[in-house]
Amino acid sequence: MRHILTEIEIAADAETVWQALMDFEKYPEWNPFIQSIKGNTEPDEVLEVFIKPPGSRGMSFTPTVVSLEPNRLFAWQGKLLFRGLFDGRHEFRLEPNEQGTTKLTHSESFKGILVPVLWKMIRKGTERGFEEMNLALKNRIESGN
């Protein structure tokens, strides 16, 4: 199994961060990485997601929501063609702290027989995409947009 994990502190409470993170209609206004999410966010529902890692044309996929804990956790599970080939669990986790800020942990865990083959090709761009999205979310919230 391989992992990508990024974190950022946002000067806002978890509820404010959650609202911005879950407002998919506004993603085109600020999100350089996940440019579109459509669908119901309840567990077991299927989403339509379009991502554009830096330097790529982008790709669409249809993951299944696996966790929804308001103001705390949103996660989905995706796969390439069929389970076990190249699977990814994508998570957004919010942790409020005593100073009134919130830590966003944005991560993905990959498993499957193609992960060792594709890892070098996807790791850098995906990690950079996560970091760019995190910073764009922070800037949007902290600037009051």
N, C-alpha and C. Protein backbone atom coordinates (compact mmCIF):
# COMPACT_ATOMS: atom_id res chain seq x y z
N MET A 1 0.85 -1.18 0.00
CA MET A 1 0.00 0.00 0.00
C MET A 1 0.89 1.24 0.00
N ARG A 2 0.47 2.25 -0.74
CA ARG A 2 1.20 3.52 -0.79
C ARG A 2 0.27 4.64 -0.34
N HIS A 3 0.87 5.70 0.21
CA HIS A 3 0.07 6.80 0.77
C HIS A 3 0.59 8.15 0.30
N ILE A 4 -0.34 9.08 0.16
CA ILE A 4 -0.02 10.49 0.01
C ILE A 4 -0.76 11.19 1.13
N LEU A 5 -0.04 12.01 1.90
CA LEU A 5 -0.66 12.70 3.02
C LEU A 5 -0.17 14.15 3.03
N THR A 6 -1.10 15.09 3.02
CA THR A 6 -0.77 16.50 3.11
C THR A 6 -1.60 17.12 4.23
N GLU A 7 -1.07 18.18 4.82
CA GLU A 7 -1.78 18.87 5.91
C GLU A 7 -1.61 20.37 5.75
N ILE A 8 -2.62 21.10 6.25
CA ILE A 8 -2.54 22.56 6.27
C ILE A 8 -3.40 23.07 7.42
N GLU A 9 -2.93 24.14 8.06
CA GLU A 9 -3.69 24.82 9.12
C GLU A 9 -4.49 25.94 8.47
N ILE A 10 -5.77 26.01 8.78
CA ILE A 10 -6.64 27.05 8.24
C ILE A 10 -7.19 27.86 9.41
N ALA A 11 -7.10 29.18 9.29
CA ALA A 11 -7.55 30.08 10.37
C ALA A 11 -9.06 30.24 10.32
N ALA A 12 -9.75 29.17 10.68
CA ALA A 12 -11.22 29.16 10.73
C ALA A 12 -11.65 27.93 11.51
N ASP A 13 -12.88 27.97 12.00
CA ASP A 13 -13.38 26.80 12.71
C ASP A 13 -13.72 25.67 11.73
N ALA A 14 -13.88 24.47 12.26
CA ALA A 14 -14.11 23.29 11.41
C ALA A 14 -15.39 23.42 10.60
N GLU A 15 -16.41 24.03 11.15
CA GLU A 15 -17.67 24.19 10.42
C GLU A 15 -17.50 25.06 9.18
N THR A 16 -16.73 26.13 9.29
CA THR A 16 -16.48 27.01 8.14
C THR A 16 -15.68 26.28 7.07
N VAL A 17 -14.66 25.54 7.49
CA VAL A 17 -13.85 24.78 6.53
C VAL A 17 -14.72 23.72 5.86
N TRP A 18 -15.53 23.02 6.64
CA TRP A 18 -16.41 21.99 6.11
C TRP A 18 -17.36 22.56 5.06
N GLN A 19 -17.96 23.70 5.35
CA GLN A 19 -18.91 24.30 4.41
C GLN A 19 -18.24 24.61 3.08
N ALA A 20 -17.03 25.16 3.12
CA ALA A 20 -16.31 25.46 1.87
C ALA A 20 -15.91 24.18 1.14
N LEU A 21 -15.45 23.20 1.89
CA LEU A 21 -15.01 21.93 1.30
C LEU A 21 -16.16 21.19 0.63
N MET A 22 -17.34 21.26 1.21
CA MET A 22 -18.49 20.50 0.69
C MET A 22 -19.34 21.29 -0.30
N ASP A 23 -18.99 22.53 -0.60
CA ASP A 23 -19.73 23.35 -1.56
C ASP A 23 -19.16 23.09 -2.96
N PHE A 24 -19.50 21.93 -3.51
CA PHE A 24 -18.93 21.48 -4.78
C PHE A 24 -19.25 22.41 -5.94
N GLU A 25 -20.39 23.08 -5.91
CA GLU A 25 -20.77 23.98 -7.00
C GLU A 25 -19.76 25.11 -7.18
N LYS A 26 -19.06 25.48 -6.10
CA LYS A 26 -18.10 26.58 -6.18
C LYS A 26 -16.67 26.11 -6.47
N TYR A 27 -16.45 24.82 -6.59
CA TYR A 27 -15.10 24.33 -6.87
C TYR A 27 -14.46 24.98 -8.10
N PRO A 28 -15.19 25.18 -9.20
CA PRO A 28 -14.54 25.81 -10.36
C PRO A 28 -13.99 27.21 -10.08
N GLU A 29 -14.51 27.87 -9.05
CA GLU A 29 -14.06 29.22 -8.71
C GLU A 29 -12.68 29.23 -8.05
N TRP A 30 -12.32 28.13 -7.37
CA TRP A 30 -11.10 28.18 -6.58
C TRP A 30 -10.24 26.93 -6.61
N ASN A 31 -10.78 25.79 -6.98
CA ASN A 31 -10.06 24.53 -6.79
C ASN A 31 -9.26 24.14 -8.04
N PRO A 32 -7.93 24.20 -7.98
CA PRO A 32 -7.12 23.86 -9.15
C PRO A 32 -6.98 22.36 -9.39
N PHE A 33 -7.30 21.54 -8.40
CA PHE A 33 -7.08 20.09 -8.50
C PHE A 33 -8.38 19.33 -8.74
N ILE A 34 -9.32 19.41 -7.81
CA ILE A 34 -10.61 18.75 -8.01
C ILE A 34 -11.53 19.80 -8.61
N GLN A 35 -11.73 19.72 -9.90
CA GLN A 35 -12.45 20.78 -10.59
C GLN A 35 -13.96 20.56 -10.61
N SER A 36 -14.39 19.34 -10.31
CA SER A 36 -15.83 19.07 -10.32
C SER A 36 -16.14 17.83 -9.48
N ILE A 37 -17.18 17.95 -8.65
CA ILE A 37 -17.76 16.80 -7.95
C ILE A 37 -19.26 16.94 -8.08
N LYS A 38 -19.90 15.87 -8.54
CA LYS A 38 -21.35 15.85 -8.65
C LYS A 38 -21.87 14.59 -7.98
N GLY A 39 -23.02 14.72 -7.32
CA GLY A 39 -23.65 13.56 -6.71
C GLY A 39 -23.96 13.78 -5.25
N ASN A 40 -24.59 12.78 -4.68
CA ASN A 40 -25.01 12.78 -3.29
C ASN A 40 -23.85 12.31 -2.42
N THR A 41 -23.62 12.97 -1.29
CA THR A 41 -22.48 12.65 -0.44
C THR A 41 -22.77 11.63 0.66
N GLU A 42 -23.93 11.02 0.62
CA GLU A 42 -24.25 10.00 1.63
C GLU A 42 -23.44 8.73 1.36
N PRO A 43 -23.06 7.98 2.41
CA PRO A 43 -22.33 6.73 2.21
C PRO A 43 -23.05 5.79 1.24
N ASP A 44 -22.27 5.12 0.43
CA ASP A 44 -22.69 4.17 -0.60
C ASP A 44 -23.20 4.84 -1.87
N GLU A 45 -23.23 6.16 -1.92
CA GLU A 45 -23.62 6.87 -3.14
C GLU A 45 -22.40 7.02 -4.04
N VAL A 46 -22.64 7.09 -5.34
CA VAL A 46 -21.57 7.22 -6.33
C VAL A 46 -21.47 8.69 -6.76
N LEU A 47 -20.24 9.19 -6.78
CA LEU A 47 -19.97 10.55 -7.21
C LEU A 47 -19.39 10.55 -8.62
N GLU A 48 -19.49 11.69 -9.29
CA GLU A 48 -18.78 11.93 -10.54
C GLU A 48 -17.73 12.99 -10.22
N VAL A 49 -16.45 12.64 -10.37
CA VAL A 49 -15.36 13.53 -9.99
C VAL A 49 -14.46 13.77 -11.19
N PHE A 50 -14.04 15.03 -11.37
CA PHE A 50 -13.05 15.37 -12.39
C PHE A 50 -11.87 16.03 -11.69
N ILE A 51 -10.69 15.42 -11.82
CA ILE A 51 -9.48 16.00 -11.24
C ILE A 51 -8.51 16.38 -12.35
N LYS A 52 -7.66 17.37 -12.03
CA LYS A 52 -6.65 17.80 -12.98
C LYS A 52 -5.33 17.99 -12.23
N PRO A 53 -4.58 16.90 -12.07
CA PRO A 53 -3.26 17.04 -11.44
C PRO A 53 -2.40 17.99 -12.26
N PRO A 54 -1.48 18.72 -11.62
CA PRO A 54 -0.63 19.65 -12.35
C PRO A 54 0.07 18.97 -13.52
N GLY A 55 0.04 19.63 -14.67
CA GLY A 55 0.72 19.11 -15.85
C GLY A 55 -0.02 18.01 -16.58
N SER A 56 -1.28 17.76 -16.24
CA SER A 56 -2.02 16.69 -16.91
C SER A 56 -3.28 17.24 -17.57
N ARG A 57 -3.89 16.42 -18.42
CA ARG A 57 -5.15 16.79 -19.06
C ARG A 57 -6.33 16.60 -18.12
N GLY A 58 -6.15 15.83 -17.09
CA GLY A 58 -7.22 15.57 -16.15
C GLY A 58 -7.91 14.25 -16.44
N MET A 59 -8.73 13.83 -15.50
CA MET A 59 -9.45 12.57 -15.66
C MET A 59 -10.72 12.58 -14.84
N SER A 60 -11.70 11.83 -15.30
CA SER A 60 -12.97 11.65 -14.60
C SER A 60 -13.01 10.25 -14.02
N PHE A 61 -13.67 10.11 -12.89
CA PHE A 61 -13.88 8.78 -12.30
C PHE A 61 -15.11 8.83 -11.42
N THR A 62 -15.57 7.67 -11.01
CA THR A 62 -16.83 7.56 -10.26
C THR A 62 -16.62 6.77 -8.96
N PRO A 63 -16.09 7.44 -7.93
CA PRO A 63 -15.88 6.75 -6.66
C PRO A 63 -17.17 6.63 -5.86
N THR A 64 -17.13 5.78 -4.85
CA THR A 64 -18.25 5.57 -3.94
C THR A 64 -17.93 6.23 -2.60
N VAL A 65 -18.87 6.99 -2.07
CA VAL A 65 -18.69 7.62 -0.76
C VAL A 65 -18.65 6.52 0.31
N VAL A 66 -17.61 6.56 1.15
CA VAL A 66 -17.47 5.55 2.20
C VAL A 66 -17.62 6.13 3.60
N SER A 67 -17.48 7.45 3.74
CA SER A 67 -17.61 8.05 5.06
C SER A 67 -18.03 9.51 4.95
N LEU A 68 -18.99 9.88 5.78
CA LEU A 68 -19.44 11.27 5.88
C LEU A 68 -19.75 11.56 7.34
N GLU A 69 -18.87 12.32 7.98
CA GLU A 69 -19.05 12.76 9.36
C GLU A 69 -18.95 14.28 9.34
N PRO A 70 -20.09 14.98 9.30
CA PRO A 70 -20.06 16.44 9.15
C PRO A 70 -19.08 17.14 10.09
N ASN A 71 -18.37 18.10 9.51
CA ASN A 71 -17.36 18.90 10.21
C ASN A 71 -16.14 18.09 10.65
N ARG A 72 -16.03 16.85 10.15
CA ARG A 72 -14.93 15.99 10.59
C ARG A 72 -14.27 15.19 9.47
N LEU A 73 -15.07 14.43 8.68
CA LEU A 73 -14.48 13.50 7.72
C LEU A 73 -15.38 13.29 6.50
N PHE A 74 -14.76 13.34 5.32
CA PHE A 74 -15.43 12.99 4.07
C PHE A 74 -14.45 12.11 3.31
N ALA A 75 -14.90 10.91 2.90
CA ALA A 75 -14.01 9.99 2.21
C ALA A 75 -14.75 9.23 1.12
N TRP A 76 -13.99 8.91 0.05
CA TRP A 76 -14.54 8.07 -1.01
C TRP A 76 -13.53 7.01 -1.40
N GLN A 77 -14.02 5.97 -2.05
CA GLN A 77 -13.20 4.86 -2.53
C GLN A 77 -13.39 4.76 -4.03
N GLY A 78 -12.27 4.80 -4.76
CA GLY A 78 -12.34 4.66 -6.21
C GLY A 78 -11.54 3.46 -6.68
N LYS A 79 -11.74 3.10 -7.93
CA LYS A 79 -11.00 1.97 -8.49
C LYS A 79 -10.79 2.18 -9.98
N LEU A 80 -9.75 1.57 -10.51
CA LEU A 80 -9.49 1.56 -11.94
C LEU A 80 -10.01 0.24 -12.49
N LEU A 81 -11.01 0.32 -13.34
CA LEU A 81 -11.66 -0.82 -13.98
C LEU A 81 -12.36 -1.76 -12.99
N PHE A 82 -11.58 -2.45 -12.14
CA PHE A 82 -12.20 -3.34 -11.16
C PHE A 82 -11.34 -3.37 -9.89
N ARG A 83 -11.97 -3.75 -8.77
CA ARG A 83 -11.28 -3.78 -7.48
C ARG A 83 -10.05 -4.67 -7.52
N GLY A 84 -8.99 -4.18 -6.88
CA GLY A 84 -7.76 -4.96 -6.77
C GLY A 84 -6.72 -4.60 -7.81
N LEU A 85 -7.12 -3.85 -8.83
CA LEU A 85 -6.18 -3.45 -9.87
C LEU A 85 -5.43 -2.19 -9.44
N PHE A 86 -6.18 -1.14 -9.13
CA PHE A 86 -5.62 0.13 -8.65
C PHE A 86 -6.74 0.84 -7.91
N ASP A 87 -6.74 0.73 -6.59
CA ASP A 87 -7.80 1.28 -5.76
C ASP A 87 -7.25 2.44 -4.94
N GLY A 88 -8.08 3.45 -4.73
CA GLY A 88 -7.67 4.59 -3.92
C GLY A 88 -8.76 5.02 -2.96
N ARG A 89 -8.37 5.26 -1.71
CA ARG A 89 -9.29 5.82 -0.71
C ARG A 89 -8.83 7.25 -0.43
N HIS A 90 -9.69 8.20 -0.78
CA HIS A 90 -9.40 9.63 -0.68
C HIS A 90 -10.11 10.18 0.55
N GLU A 91 -9.38 10.93 1.40
CA GLU A 91 -9.96 11.44 2.64
C GLU A 91 -9.66 12.92 2.83
N PHE A 92 -10.67 13.60 3.36
CA PHE A 92 -10.52 14.96 3.89
C PHE A 92 -10.90 14.86 5.37
N ARG A 93 -9.94 15.13 6.25
CA ARG A 93 -10.18 15.03 7.69
C ARG A 93 -9.92 16.39 8.34
N LEU A 94 -10.88 16.85 9.14
CA LEU A 94 -10.76 18.14 9.82
C LEU A 94 -10.56 17.92 11.31
N GLU A 95 -9.58 18.64 11.88
CA GLU A 95 -9.30 18.56 13.31
C GLU A 95 -9.22 19.98 13.88
N PRO A 96 -10.25 20.40 14.63
CA PRO A 96 -10.19 21.73 15.25
C PRO A 96 -9.18 21.73 16.40
N ASN A 97 -8.61 22.92 16.67
CA ASN A 97 -7.72 23.00 17.82
C ASN A 97 -8.14 24.17 18.72
N GLU A 98 -7.48 24.29 19.85
CA GLU A 98 -7.87 25.26 20.87
C GLU A 98 -7.70 26.71 20.43
N GLN A 99 -6.87 26.96 19.44
CA GLN A 99 -6.65 28.33 18.97
C GLN A 99 -7.74 28.80 18.00
N GLY A 100 -8.70 27.93 17.72
CA GLY A 100 -9.78 28.29 16.81
C GLY A 100 -9.47 28.05 15.35
N THR A 101 -8.33 27.42 15.08
CA THR A 101 -8.00 27.05 13.71
C THR A 101 -8.35 25.58 13.49
N THR A 102 -8.24 25.16 12.25
CA THR A 102 -8.57 23.77 11.89
C THR A 102 -7.45 23.20 11.04
N LYS A 103 -7.02 21.98 11.38
CA LYS A 103 -6.04 21.28 10.54
C LYS A 103 -6.81 20.43 9.54
N LEU A 104 -6.52 20.64 8.26
CA LEU A 104 -7.05 19.79 7.20
C LEU A 104 -5.98 18.77 6.84
N THR A 105 -6.33 17.50 6.96
CA THR A 105 -5.47 16.43 6.47
C THR A 105 -6.13 15.89 5.21
N HIS A 106 -5.43 16.00 4.11
CA HIS A 106 -5.93 15.60 2.79
C HIS A 106 -5.04 14.45 2.34
N SER A 107 -5.61 13.26 2.20
CA SER A 107 -4.78 12.09 1.95
C SER A 107 -5.44 11.10 1.00
N GLU A 108 -4.62 10.19 0.51
CA GLU A 108 -5.13 9.07 -0.27
C GLU A 108 -4.23 7.87 -0.04
N SER A 109 -4.85 6.71 0.10
CA SER A 109 -4.14 5.44 0.22
C SER A 109 -4.44 4.62 -1.01
N PHE A 110 -3.39 4.07 -1.62
CA PHE A 110 -3.53 3.31 -2.85
C PHE A 110 -3.13 1.86 -2.61
N LYS A 111 -3.89 0.94 -3.20
CA LYS A 111 -3.52 -0.47 -3.16
C LYS A 111 -3.98 -1.13 -4.45
N GLY A 112 -3.38 -2.27 -4.75
CA GLY A 112 -3.72 -3.01 -5.96
C GLY A 112 -2.47 -3.41 -6.73
N ILE A 113 -2.64 -4.32 -7.67
CA ILE A 113 -1.47 -4.88 -8.35
C ILE A 113 -0.76 -3.87 -9.25
N LEU A 114 -1.43 -2.81 -9.69
CA LEU A 114 -0.78 -1.82 -10.55
C LEU A 114 -0.12 -0.68 -9.79
N VAL A 115 -0.31 -0.60 -8.48
CA VAL A 115 0.25 0.52 -7.71
C VAL A 115 1.77 0.60 -7.86
N PRO A 116 2.53 -0.50 -7.71
CA PRO A 116 3.98 -0.39 -7.86
C PRO A 116 4.40 0.10 -9.25
N VAL A 117 3.65 -0.26 -10.26
CA VAL A 117 3.97 0.13 -11.64
C VAL A 117 3.66 1.61 -11.89
N LEU A 118 2.53 2.09 -11.37
CA LEU A 118 2.07 3.45 -11.65
C LEU A 118 2.53 4.48 -10.62
N TRP A 119 3.08 4.05 -9.49
CA TRP A 119 3.36 4.95 -8.38
C TRP A 119 4.24 6.14 -8.78
N LYS A 120 5.37 5.88 -9.43
CA LYS A 120 6.27 6.98 -9.81
C LYS A 120 5.58 7.98 -10.73
N MET A 121 4.70 7.49 -11.56
CA MET A 121 4.02 8.35 -12.52
C MET A 121 2.99 9.26 -11.85
N ILE A 122 2.32 8.78 -10.81
CA ILE A 122 1.22 9.56 -10.22
C ILE A 122 1.57 10.29 -8.93
N ARG A 123 2.58 9.83 -8.20
CA ARG A 123 2.84 10.36 -6.86
C ARG A 123 3.07 11.87 -6.83
N LYS A 124 4.05 12.35 -7.60
CA LYS A 124 4.41 13.77 -7.54
C LYS A 124 3.26 14.68 -7.93
N GLY A 125 2.63 14.40 -9.06
CA GLY A 125 1.54 15.25 -9.53
C GLY A 125 0.35 15.25 -8.59
N THR A 126 0.04 14.08 -8.04
CA THR A 126 -1.09 13.98 -7.12
C THR A 126 -0.79 14.73 -5.83
N GLU A 127 0.40 14.53 -5.29
CA GLU A 127 0.77 15.23 -4.06
C GLU A 127 0.77 16.75 -4.28
N ARG A 128 1.32 17.19 -5.39
CA ARG A 128 1.32 18.62 -5.69
C ARG A 128 -0.11 19.15 -5.86
N GLY A 129 -0.97 18.36 -6.50
CA GLY A 129 -2.37 18.74 -6.64
C GLY A 129 -3.06 18.88 -5.30
N PHE A 130 -2.80 17.96 -4.38
CA PHE A 130 -3.37 18.05 -3.02
C PHE A 130 -2.90 19.34 -2.35
N GLU A 131 -1.59 19.61 -2.44
CA GLU A 131 -1.03 20.80 -1.79
C GLU A 131 -1.61 22.08 -2.38
N GLU A 132 -1.75 22.13 -3.71
CA GLU A 132 -2.32 23.31 -4.35
C GLU A 132 -3.78 23.51 -3.95
N MET A 133 -4.53 22.42 -3.87
CA MET A 133 -5.93 22.51 -3.44
C MET A 133 -6.01 22.99 -1.99
N ASN A 134 -5.18 22.42 -1.12
CA ASN A 134 -5.19 22.81 0.29
C ASN A 134 -4.93 24.31 0.43
N LEU A 135 -3.91 24.80 -0.27
CA LEU A 135 -3.57 26.22 -0.18
C LEU A 135 -4.67 27.10 -0.75
N ALA A 136 -5.27 26.68 -1.85
CA ALA A 136 -6.37 27.45 -2.45
C ALA A 136 -7.58 27.50 -1.50
N LEU A 137 -7.87 26.39 -0.82
CA LEU A 137 -8.97 26.37 0.15
C LEU A 137 -8.66 27.31 1.32
N LYS A 138 -7.44 27.23 1.83
CA LYS A 138 -7.01 28.12 2.92
C LYS A 138 -7.17 29.58 2.52
N ASN A 139 -6.66 29.93 1.33
CA ASN A 139 -6.73 31.31 0.86
C ASN A 139 -8.17 31.77 0.69
N ARG A 140 -9.01 30.91 0.16
CA ARG A 140 -10.42 31.26 -0.04
C ARG A 140 -11.10 31.56 1.29
N ILE A 141 -10.89 30.68 2.26
CA ILE A 141 -11.55 30.85 3.56
C ILE A 141 -10.99 32.06 4.31
N GLU A 142 -9.67 32.16 4.35
CA GLU A 142 -9.06 33.23 5.14
C GLU A 142 -9.25 34.61 4.52
N SER A 143 -9.50 34.66 3.21
CA SER A 143 -9.76 35.96 2.56
C SER A 143 -11.23 36.34 2.63
N GLY A 144 -12.07 35.40 3.11
CA GLY A 144 -13.49 35.68 3.26
C GLY A 144 -14.31 35.50 2.00
N ASN A 145 -13.78 34.82 1.00
CA ASN A 145 -14.53 34.58 -0.26
C ASN A 145 -15.43 33.37 -0.16
